[in-house]
């Protein structure tokens, strides 16, 4: 997994705008495998605001990852997460739908660009139930997509270097947006096209 992490980091470093995006991409070796996270910022780094549609930067990163991950025999999971800011009152669309729709949007794109149809075993939307920053529930980095590359043997656990804590990453975390600077991501229910089969 550590070697795979290095290979993926090298591949995505060639993506346009990587210098702008690098602090919003984290790769961490965990007991379940390699977790790759695309973290939003206040200015909508990978997705259009309140929408499941990936923007150009998000598409570039996902396509590059798909081309690399599609060469592996490992199974993948895709997760969507939101922050705790609710949609406008009366909306039938909530963070549950947004997180699941974003995960499925990412799944669709990676399967169109190299990941095998039988490689993805789970697509999960967690809304704001697994906040990255529980003490800052409205922080933009709580809005994220996670790709998990599972170990081939599910009983295998990673052997981490001495002094390393599972679940940590060497990547620097994005700085929280200044108070009051994050735009509303939840105006009204977004119009999302029906997913293609």
C-alpha atoms as a PDB file:
ATOM      1  CA  UNK A   1       0.000   0.000   0.000  1.00  0.00           C
ATOM      2  CA  UNK A   2       2.860   2.393   0.714  1.00  0.00           C
ATOM      3  CA  UNK A   3       4.286   1.693  -2.745  1.00  0.00           C
ATOM      4  CA  UNK A   4       0.869   2.167  -4.342  1.00  0.00           C
ATOM      5  CA  UNK A   5       0.522   5.466  -2.467  1.00  0.00           C
ATOM      6  CA  UNK A   6       3.821   6.680  -3.966  1.00  0.00           C
ATOM      7  CA  UNK A   7       2.777   5.620  -7.475  1.00  0.00           C
ATOM      8  CA  UNK A   8      -0.575   7.388  -7.218  1.00  0.00           C
ATOM      9  CA  UNK A   9       1.014  10.534  -5.798  1.00  0.00           C
ATOM     10  CA  UNK A  10       3.432  10.585  -8.734  1.00  0.00           C
ATOM     11  CA  UNK A  11       0.600  10.097 -11.252  1.00  0.00           C
ATOM     12  CA  UNK A  12      -1.635  12.848  -9.902  1.00  0.00           C
ATOM     13  CA  UNK A  13       1.275  15.281  -9.654  1.00  0.00           C
ATOM     14  CA  UNK A  14       1.037  15.501 -13.473  1.00  0.00           C
ATOM     15  CA  UNK A  15      -2.582  16.703 -13.369  1.00  0.00           C
ATOM     16  CA  UNK A  16      -3.197  20.324 -14.434  1.00  0.00           C
ATOM     17  CA  UNK A  17      -3.614  22.636 -11.423  1.00  0.00           C
ATOM     18  CA  UNK A  18      -1.977  20.066  -9.109  1.00  0.00           C
ATOM     19  CA  UNK A  19      -0.161  22.791  -7.175  1.00  0.00           C
ATOM     20  CA  UNK A  20      -3.523  24.364  -6.373  1.00  0.00           C
ATOM     21  CA  UNK A  21      -5.088  21.002  -5.430  1.00  0.00           C
ATOM     22  CA  UNK A  22      -2.315  19.147  -3.604  1.00  0.00           C
ATOM     23  CA  UNK A  23      -3.314  20.274  -0.110  1.00  0.00           C
ATOM     24  CA  UNK A  24      -6.830  18.957  -0.753  1.00  0.00           C
ATOM     25  CA  UNK A  25      -5.761  15.399  -1.642  1.00  0.00           C
ATOM     26  CA  UNK A  26      -4.852  13.032   1.180  1.00  0.00           C
ATOM     27  CA  UNK A  27      -3.694   9.421   0.953  1.00  0.00           C
ATOM     28  CA  UNK A  28      -3.536   7.407   4.152  1.00  0.00           C
ATOM     29  CA  UNK A  29      -2.735   3.738   4.783  1.00  0.00           C
ATOM     30  CA  UNK A  30      -5.367   2.421   7.201  1.00  0.00           C
ATOM     31  CA  UNK A  31      -6.372  -1.033   8.482  1.00  0.00           C
ATOM     32  CA  UNK A  32      -8.881  -1.323   5.596  1.00  0.00           C
ATOM     33  CA  UNK A  33      -6.412  -0.331   2.870  1.00  0.00           C
ATOM     34  CA  UNK A  34      -5.319   2.874   1.145  1.00  0.00           C
ATOM     35  CA  UNK A  35      -7.781   5.706   1.696  1.00  0.00           C
ATOM     36  CA  UNK A  36      -7.664   8.470  -0.937  1.00  0.00           C
ATOM     37  CA  UNK A  37      -9.626  11.581   0.020  1.00  0.00           C
ATOM     38  CA  UNK A  38     -10.539  14.610  -2.080  1.00  0.00           C
ATOM     39  CA  UNK A  39     -11.306  17.411   0.381  1.00  0.00           C
ATOM     40  CA  UNK A  40     -13.438  20.394  -0.540  1.00  0.00           C
ATOM     41  CA  UNK A  41     -12.471  23.960   0.274  1.00  0.00           C
ATOM     42  CA  UNK A  42     -14.706  26.995   0.692  1.00  0.00           C
ATOM     43  CA  UNK A  43     -14.442  27.648  -3.054  1.00  0.00           C
ATOM     44  CA  UNK A  44     -15.732  24.220  -4.206  1.00  0.00           C
ATOM     45  CA  UNK A  45     -12.507  22.440  -5.102  1.00  0.00           C
ATOM     46  CA  UNK A  46     -13.828  19.313  -6.848  1.00  0.00           C
ATOM     47  CA  UNK A  47     -17.626  19.638  -7.080  1.00  0.00           C
ATOM     48  CA  UNK A  48     -19.971  22.405  -8.090  1.00  0.00           C
ATOM     49  CA  UNK A  49     -21.641  23.927  -5.052  1.00  0.00           C
ATOM     50  CA  UNK A  50     -24.511  21.821  -3.690  1.00  0.00           C
ATOM     51  CA  UNK A  51     -24.270  19.529  -6.727  1.00  0.00           C
ATOM     52  CA  UNK A  52     -23.117  15.988  -7.494  1.00  0.00           C
ATOM     53  CA  UNK A  53     -21.430  17.198 -10.695  1.00  0.00           C
ATOM     54  CA  UNK A  54     -17.622  17.053 -10.629  1.00  0.00           C
ATOM     55  CA  UNK A  55     -15.895  20.169 -11.940  1.00  0.00           C
ATOM     56  CA  UNK A  56     -12.897  20.080 -14.318  1.00  0.00           C
ATOM     57  CA  UNK A  57     -10.334  19.666 -11.520  1.00  0.00           C
ATOM     58  CA  UNK A  58     -12.325  16.892  -9.867  1.00  0.00           C
ATOM     59  CA  UNK A  59     -12.712  15.117 -13.202  1.00  0.00           C
ATOM     60  CA  UNK A  60      -8.982  15.341 -13.953  1.00  0.00           C
ATOM     61  CA  UNK A  61      -8.028  13.836 -10.586  1.00  0.00           C
ATOM     62  CA  UNK A  62     -10.648  11.058 -10.752  1.00  0.00           C
ATOM     63  CA  UNK A  63      -9.719  10.058 -14.316  1.00  0.00           C
ATOM     64  CA  UNK A  64      -6.020   9.893 -13.400  1.00  0.00           C
ATOM     65  CA  UNK A  65      -6.771   7.770 -10.324  1.00  0.00           C
ATOM     66  CA  UNK A  66      -9.081   5.511 -12.358  1.00  0.00           C
ATOM     67  CA  UNK A  67      -6.389   4.839 -14.953  1.00  0.00           C
ATOM     68  CA  UNK A  68      -4.006   3.703 -12.203  1.00  0.00           C
ATOM     69  CA  UNK A  69      -6.490   1.820 -10.018  1.00  0.00           C
ATOM     70  CA  UNK A  70      -7.935  -0.036 -13.001  1.00  0.00           C
ATOM     71  CA  UNK A  71      -4.605  -1.865 -13.369  1.00  0.00           C
ATOM     72  CA  UNK A  72      -4.978  -3.413  -9.910  1.00  0.00           C
ATOM     73  CA  UNK A  73      -6.832  -6.560  -8.809  1.00  0.00           C
ATOM     74  CA  UNK A  74      -7.926  -4.811  -5.581  1.00  0.00           C
ATOM     75  CA  UNK A  75     -11.549  -4.061  -4.779  1.00  0.00           C
ATOM     76  CA  UNK A  76     -12.625  -0.459  -4.188  1.00  0.00           C
ATOM     77  CA  UNK A  77     -15.201   1.389  -2.101  1.00  0.00           C
ATOM     78  CA  UNK A  78     -16.423   4.918  -2.780  1.00  0.00           C
ATOM     79  CA  UNK A  79     -17.752   7.169  -0.013  1.00  0.00           C
ATOM     80  CA  UNK A  80     -19.398  10.574  -0.039  1.00  0.00           C
ATOM     81  CA  UNK A  81     -19.393  12.898   2.985  1.00  0.00           C
ATOM     82  CA  UNK A  82     -20.838  16.352   3.655  1.00  0.00           C
ATOM     83  CA  UNK A  83     -20.470  18.980   6.335  1.00  0.00           C
ATOM     84  CA  UNK A  84     -23.276  19.605   8.839  1.00  0.00           C
ATOM     85  CA  UNK A  85     -24.865  22.583   7.053  1.00  0.00           C
ATOM     86  CA  UNK A  86     -28.438  21.572   6.149  1.00  0.00           C
ATOM     87  CA  UNK A  87     -30.285  22.374   2.967  1.00  0.00           C
ATOM     88  CA  UNK A  88     -32.981  25.037   3.010  1.00  0.00           C
ATOM     89  CA  UNK A  89     -36.052  24.133   5.077  1.00  0.00           C
ATOM     90  CA  UNK A  90     -38.733  22.354   3.083  1.00  0.00           C
ATOM     91  CA  UNK A  91     -36.295  20.846   0.577  1.00  0.00           C
ATOM     92  CA  UNK A  92     -36.779  17.182  -0.266  1.00  0.00           C
ATOM     93  CA  UNK A  93     -33.046  16.965  -1.017  1.00  0.00           C
ATOM     94  CA  UNK A  94     -30.676  16.614   1.934  1.00  0.00           C
ATOM     95  CA  UNK A  95     -27.063  15.854   2.804  1.00  0.00           C
ATOM     96  CA  UNK A  96     -27.930  12.155   2.611  1.00  0.00           C
ATOM     97  CA  UNK A  97     -28.851  12.459  -1.058  1.00  0.00           C
ATOM     98  CA  UNK A  98     -25.920  14.764  -1.815  1.00  0.00           C
ATOM     99  CA  UNK A  99     -23.323  12.480  -0.232  1.00  0.00           C
ATOM    100  CA  UNK A 100     -24.702   9.379  -1.964  1.00  0.00           C
ATOM    101  CA  UNK A 101     -25.069  11.170  -5.312  1.00  0.00           C
ATOM    102  CA  UNK A 102     -21.503  12.501  -5.173  1.00  0.00           C
ATOM    103  CA  UNK A 103     -20.152   9.028  -4.344  1.00  0.00           C
ATOM    104  CA  UNK A 104     -22.121   7.533  -7.219  1.00  0.00           C
ATOM    105  CA  UNK A 105     -20.988  10.295  -9.576  1.00  0.00           C
ATOM    106  CA  UNK A 106     -17.360   9.493  -8.685  1.00  0.00           C
ATOM    107  CA  UNK A 107     -18.037   5.756  -9.106  1.00  0.00           C
ATOM    108  CA  UNK A 108     -19.558   6.292 -12.541  1.00  0.00           C
ATOM    109  CA  UNK A 109     -16.606   8.390 -13.711  1.00  0.00           C
ATOM    110  CA  UNK A 110     -13.883   6.012 -12.534  1.00  0.00           C
ATOM    111  CA  UNK A 111     -15.669   3.051 -14.110  1.00  0.00           C
ATOM    112  CA  UNK A 112     -15.843   4.946 -17.392  1.00  0.00           C
ATOM    113  CA  UNK A 113     -12.099   5.561 -17.252  1.00  0.00           C
ATOM    114  CA  UNK A 114     -10.354   2.328 -16.347  1.00  0.00           C
ATOM    115  CA  UNK A 115     -11.806   0.839 -13.144  1.00  0.00           C
ATOM    116  CA  UNK A 116     -13.420  -2.553 -13.788  1.00  0.00           C
ATOM    117  CA  UNK A 117     -17.167  -3.015 -13.488  1.00  0.00           C
ATOM    118  CA  UNK A 118     -16.642  -5.631 -10.758  1.00  0.00           C
ATOM    119  CA  UNK A 119     -13.932  -3.677  -8.910  1.00  0.00           C
ATOM    120  CA  UNK A 120     -16.238  -1.363  -6.958  1.00  0.00           C
ATOM    121  CA  UNK A 121     -17.945  -3.299  -4.184  1.00  0.00           C
ATOM    122  CA  UNK A 122     -19.577  -0.440  -2.230  1.00  0.00           C
ATOM    123  CA  UNK A 123     -20.887   3.056  -2.866  1.00  0.00           C
ATOM    124  CA  UNK A 124     -21.821   4.755   0.423  1.00  0.00           C
ATOM    125  CA  UNK A 125     -23.212   8.139   1.378  1.00  0.00           C
ATOM    126  CA  UNK A 126     -22.655   9.161   4.998  1.00  0.00           C
ATOM    127  CA  UNK A 127     -24.027  12.734   4.988  1.00  0.00           C
ATOM    128  CA  UNK A 128     -22.487  14.466   8.029  1.00  0.00           C
ATOM    129  CA  UNK A 129     -22.328  11.336  10.217  1.00  0.00           C
ATOM    130  CA  UNK A 130     -18.563  10.803   9.843  1.00  0.00           C
ATOM    131  CA  UNK A 131     -17.148  14.288  10.045  1.00  0.00           C
ATOM    132  CA  UNK A 132     -13.457  14.652   9.372  1.00  0.00           C
ATOM    133  CA  UNK A 133     -13.393  17.511  11.878  1.00  0.00           C
ATOM    134  CA  UNK A 134     -16.045  16.727  14.526  1.00  0.00           C
ATOM    135  CA  UNK A 135     -15.162  19.894  16.446  1.00  0.00           C
ATOM    136  CA  UNK A 136     -15.714  22.011  13.317  1.00  0.00           C
ATOM    137  CA  UNK A 137     -18.820  20.448  11.715  1.00  0.00           C
ATOM    138  CA  UNK A 138     -19.174  23.240   9.135  1.00  0.00           C
ATOM    139  CA  UNK A 139     -15.549  23.106   7.973  1.00  0.00           C
ATOM    140  CA  UNK A 140     -15.435  22.674   4.162  1.00  0.00           C
ATOM    141  CA  UNK A 141     -12.999  19.731   4.398  1.00  0.00           C
ATOM    142  CA  UNK A 142     -15.804  17.654   5.942  1.00  0.00           C
ATOM    143  CA  UNK A 143     -17.221  17.680   2.393  1.00  0.00           C
ATOM    144  CA  UNK A 144     -15.186  14.997   0.690  1.00  0.00           C
ATOM    145  CA  UNK A 145     -15.078  11.938  -1.515  1.00  0.00           C
ATOM    146  CA  UNK A 146     -13.122   8.903  -0.301  1.00  0.00           C
ATOM    147  CA  UNK A 147     -11.827   6.069  -2.480  1.00  0.00           C
ATOM    148  CA  UNK A 148     -10.676   3.046  -0.484  1.00  0.00           C
ATOM    149  CA  UNK A 149      -8.345   0.525  -2.133  1.00  0.00           C
ATOM    150  CA  UNK A 150      -8.878  -2.640  -0.106  1.00  0.00           C
ATOM    151  CA  UNK A 151      -6.210  -5.180   0.746  1.00  0.00           C
ATOM    152  CA  UNK A 152      -6.381  -8.315  -1.384  1.00  0.00           C
ATOM    153  CA  UNK A 153      -6.504 -10.391   1.807  1.00  0.00           C
ATOM    154  CA  UNK A 154      -9.073  -8.701   4.045  1.00  0.00           C
ATOM    155  CA  UNK A 155      -7.419 -10.224   7.114  1.00  0.00           C
ATOM    156  CA  UNK A 156      -4.105  -8.521   6.348  1.00  0.00           C
ATOM    157  CA  UNK A 157      -3.187  -5.511   8.444  1.00  0.00           C
ATOM    158  CA  UNK A 158      -0.632  -2.891   7.415  1.00  0.00           C
ATOM    159  CA  UNK A 159       2.805  -2.897   8.989  1.00  0.00           C
ATOM    160  CA  UNK A 160       3.410   0.760   9.728  1.00  0.00           C
ATOM    161  CA  UNK A 161       6.800   2.298  10.525  1.00  0.00           C
ATOM    162  CA  UNK A 162       7.566   2.758  14.230  1.00  0.00           C
ATOM    163  CA  UNK A 163       5.988   5.902  15.608  1.00  0.00           C
ATOM    164  CA  UNK A 164       3.329   6.074  12.899  1.00  0.00           C
ATOM    165  CA  UNK A 165      -0.299   6.187  13.967  1.00  0.00           C
ATOM    166  CA  UNK A 166      -2.819   4.434  11.724  1.00  0.00           C
ATOM    167  CA  UNK A 167      -5.108   6.929  10.067  1.00  0.00           C
ATOM    168  CA  UNK A 168      -2.586   9.762   9.914  1.00  0.00           C
ATOM    169  CA  UNK A 169      -1.160  11.245   6.772  1.00  0.00           C
ATOM    170  CA  UNK A 170       1.931  13.206   5.882  1.00  0.00           C
ATOM    171  CA  UNK A 171      -0.125  15.552   3.728  1.00  0.00           C
ATOM    172  CA  UNK A 172      -0.841  18.892   5.247  1.00  0.00           C
ATOM    173  CA  UNK A 173      -4.469  19.537   6.068  1.00  0.00           C
ATOM    174  CA  UNK A 174      -6.180  22.485   4.426  1.00  0.00           C
ATOM    175  CA  UNK A 175      -6.566  25.554   6.587  1.00  0.00           C
ATOM    176  CA  UNK A 176     -10.132  26.210   7.665  1.00  0.00           C
ATOM    177  CA  UNK A 177     -11.812  29.081   5.857  1.00  0.00           C
ATOM    178  CA  UNK A 178     -11.936  32.366   7.769  1.00  0.00           C
ATOM    179  CA  UNK A 179     -15.069  32.696   9.870  1.00  0.00           C
ATOM    180  CA  UNK A 180     -18.023  33.722   7.771  1.00  0.00           C
ATOM    181  CA  UNK A 181     -16.104  33.210   4.502  1.00  0.00           C
ATOM    182  CA  UNK A 182     -17.603  29.877   3.450  1.00  0.00           C
ATOM    183  CA  UNK A 183     -20.447  30.436   0.972  1.00  0.00           C
ATOM    184  CA  UNK A 184     -23.689  28.597   1.445  1.00  0.00           C
ATOM    185  CA  UNK A 185     -23.519  25.181  -0.187  1.00  0.00           C
ATOM    186  CA  UNK A 186     -27.174  24.523   0.459  1.00  0.00           C
ATOM    187  CA  UNK A 187     -29.454  27.116  -1.120  1.00  0.00           C
ATOM    188  CA  UNK A 188     -32.134  25.054  -2.755  1.00  0.00           C
ATOM    189  CA  UNK A 189     -32.371  21.520  -4.003  1.00  0.00           C
ATOM    190  CA  UNK A 190     -29.977  21.051  -6.961  1.00  0.00           C
ATOM    191  CA  UNK A 191     -31.274  19.701 -10.228  1.00  0.00           C
ATOM    192  CA  UNK A 192     -29.318  16.541 -10.823  1.00  0.00           C
ATOM    193  CA  UNK A 193     -29.730  14.655 -14.100  1.00  0.00           C
ATOM    194  CA  UNK A 194     -30.909  11.078 -13.878  1.00  0.00           C
ATOM    195  CA  UNK A 195     -27.886   8.758 -13.706  1.00  0.00           C
ATOM    196  CA  UNK A 196     -27.095   6.813 -16.851  1.00  0.00           C
ATOM    197  CA  UNK A 197     -27.422   3.068 -16.545  1.00  0.00           C
END
